[in-house]
Structure formats: structure tokens, C-alpha cells
Amino acid sequence: MELKIYWTDFAKSELKKIFKHLKENGSLRIAKNENKKIVQSTLRLRNQPEIGQLEPMLIEREIEFRYLLHQTYKIIYWVNSEKNRIEIMDVFEIHQRPEKMKRTK
């Protein structure tokens, strides 16, 4: 059964920050393109929810967080079986401090 992709408000906010940064430091075209690619990279999770690796920095959490990499971005997600969906929790540039990831609740 195909799962739905659900972006949390926090993840959407982080995606907007990425867009703003790319727009200011690159161009509107680059920002739109990259955001589109980030979102599209999550679509394969609908049929293969466990393709992402377990996130070692969040292993102590009750929820089993996984991640996908898209170029220099890490997309943190988990499989919410009760709601039949993949929940995208966070997106961030991997050159940032790794401990920043622990902000995902």
C-alpha cells in the first residue's frame, strides 16, 4: 500500500529557510529548482519507506527516525503506520553542526 508524504510545519519552515537562503545567495530559479528536487526526493518513500538509513543521532528516541540525503541536505523522517504516512520532520544542510538535528521532537 502506498503511503502518503506528510510535511510537518517545522519541516516546511526549514524548507522555506533553505529557499530564502538560496534565493538570496543564488537566484530565484536555483531556489525553486532545489526546493522542488528536495520535495521530489521524498516521493520514493511512498513505496519504499525504509530506504533511508536509521539516524544514529536520534537513536535514543522512541520513534525510529530515518534519513534521506539529497545532495547536501539531510531529510529526517519516520514512518507513521497508524496514519499510513511518512512524516518529514526536518530538512537541513549537512554542513551545519550535527547536534542541530536533535531539535527534531
Protein backbone atom coordinates (compact mmCIF):
# COMPACT_ATOMS: atom_id res chain seq x y z
CA MET A 1 0.00 0.00 0.00
CA GLU A 2 1.31 3.41 -0.92
CA LEU A 3 1.91 5.76 1.99
CA LYS A 4 1.20 9.48 1.96
CA ILE A 5 4.00 12.01 2.40
CA TYR A 6 3.26 14.50 5.17
CA TRP A 7 5.48 17.53 5.82
CA THR A 8 5.33 18.82 9.40
CA ASP A 9 5.07 22.55 9.93
CA PHE A 10 8.64 22.54 11.23
CA ALA A 11 9.96 20.78 8.12
CA LYS A 12 8.04 23.18 5.86
CA SER A 13 9.52 26.09 7.77
CA GLU A 14 13.05 24.71 7.30
CA LEU A 15 12.38 24.20 3.58
CA LYS A 16 11.31 27.86 3.35
CA LYS A 17 14.55 28.89 5.06
CA ILE A 18 16.53 26.90 2.50
CA PHE A 19 14.55 28.56 -0.28
CA LYS A 20 15.20 32.02 1.15
CA HIS A 21 18.92 31.34 1.57
CA LEU A 22 19.30 30.02 -1.98
CA LYS A 23 17.32 32.91 -3.40
CA GLU A 24 19.45 35.48 -1.57
CA ASN A 25 22.76 33.78 -2.32
CA GLY A 26 21.97 32.36 -5.74
CA SER A 27 18.85 33.13 -7.67
CA LEU A 28 15.10 32.59 -7.64
CA ARG A 29 15.49 29.87 -10.28
CA ILE A 30 18.07 27.98 -8.21
CA ALA A 31 15.92 28.26 -5.07
CA LYS A 32 12.80 26.96 -6.83
CA ASN A 33 14.73 24.15 -8.51
CA GLU A 34 16.43 22.94 -5.35
CA ASN A 35 13.27 23.03 -3.24
CA LYS A 36 11.43 21.08 -5.93
CA LYS A 37 14.21 18.47 -6.03
CA ILE A 38 14.20 18.12 -2.22
CA VAL A 39 10.45 17.51 -2.19
CA GLN A 40 10.63 15.12 -5.15
CA SER A 41 13.37 13.09 -3.47
CA THR A 42 10.91 12.19 -0.69
CA LEU A 43 8.30 10.78 -3.09
CA ARG A 44 10.09 7.46 -3.43
CA LEU A 45 9.38 6.87 0.26
CA ARG A 46 5.70 6.26 -0.58
CA ASN A 47 6.53 2.77 -1.84
CA GLN A 48 9.86 2.21 -0.10
CA PRO A 49 9.55 3.80 3.34
CA GLU A 50 12.57 2.08 4.81
CA ILE A 51 15.13 3.01 2.14
CA GLY A 52 16.53 5.69 4.40
CA GLN A 53 19.13 4.73 6.95
CA LEU A 54 18.43 4.89 10.67
CA GLU A 55 19.53 8.23 12.07
CA PRO A 56 22.22 7.43 14.67
CA MET A 57 21.98 10.82 16.39
CA LEU A 58 18.29 10.21 17.17
CA ILE A 59 18.54 6.51 18.02
CA GLU A 60 17.59 7.12 21.67
CA ARG A 61 14.14 8.40 20.66
CA GLU A 62 11.02 6.25 20.92
CA ILE A 63 10.29 6.89 17.25
CA GLU A 64 12.56 5.24 14.68
CA PHE A 65 13.89 8.21 12.73
CA ARG A 66 15.44 7.65 9.32
CA TYR A 67 17.04 9.96 6.82
CA LEU A 68 17.48 10.51 3.12
CA LEU A 69 20.28 12.50 1.60
CA HIS A 70 19.66 14.87 -1.26
CA GLN A 71 22.92 16.48 -2.36
CA THR A 72 23.98 18.45 0.74
CA TYR A 73 20.62 18.17 2.54
CA LYS A 74 19.54 15.64 5.12
CA ILE A 75 15.82 14.87 5.25
CA ILE A 76 14.72 13.39 8.57
CA TYR A 77 11.53 11.32 8.58
CA TRP A 78 9.67 8.50 10.28
CA VAL A 79 7.02 6.02 9.22
CA ASN A 80 3.72 6.70 10.99
CA SER A 81 1.94 3.39 10.40
CA GLU A 82 -1.13 4.42 12.39
CA LYS A 83 -1.83 7.28 9.98
CA ASN A 84 -0.49 5.45 6.92
CA ARG A 85 2.04 8.15 6.12
CA ILE A 86 5.67 9.20 6.07
CA GLU A 87 6.24 12.25 8.26
CA ILE A 88 9.01 14.55 7.11
CA MET A 89 10.30 16.08 10.34
CA ASP A 90 13.28 18.19 9.32
CA VAL A 91 15.48 19.23 6.40
CA PHE A 92 18.85 20.83 6.86
CA GLU A 93 22.17 21.41 5.20
CA ILE A 94 24.58 18.70 6.34
CA HIS A 95 27.46 21.15 6.70
CA GLN A 96 25.68 22.54 9.75
CA ARG A 97 26.51 21.23 13.21
CA PRO A 98 25.20 17.62 13.55
CA GLU A 99 23.84 18.28 17.04
CA LYS A 100 21.37 20.67 15.43
CA MET A 101 19.44 17.58 14.39
CA LYS A 102 18.38 16.92 17.97
CA ARG A 103 15.98 19.84 17.69
CA THR A 104 13.55 17.43 15.94
CA LYS A 105 10.93 16.44 18.51
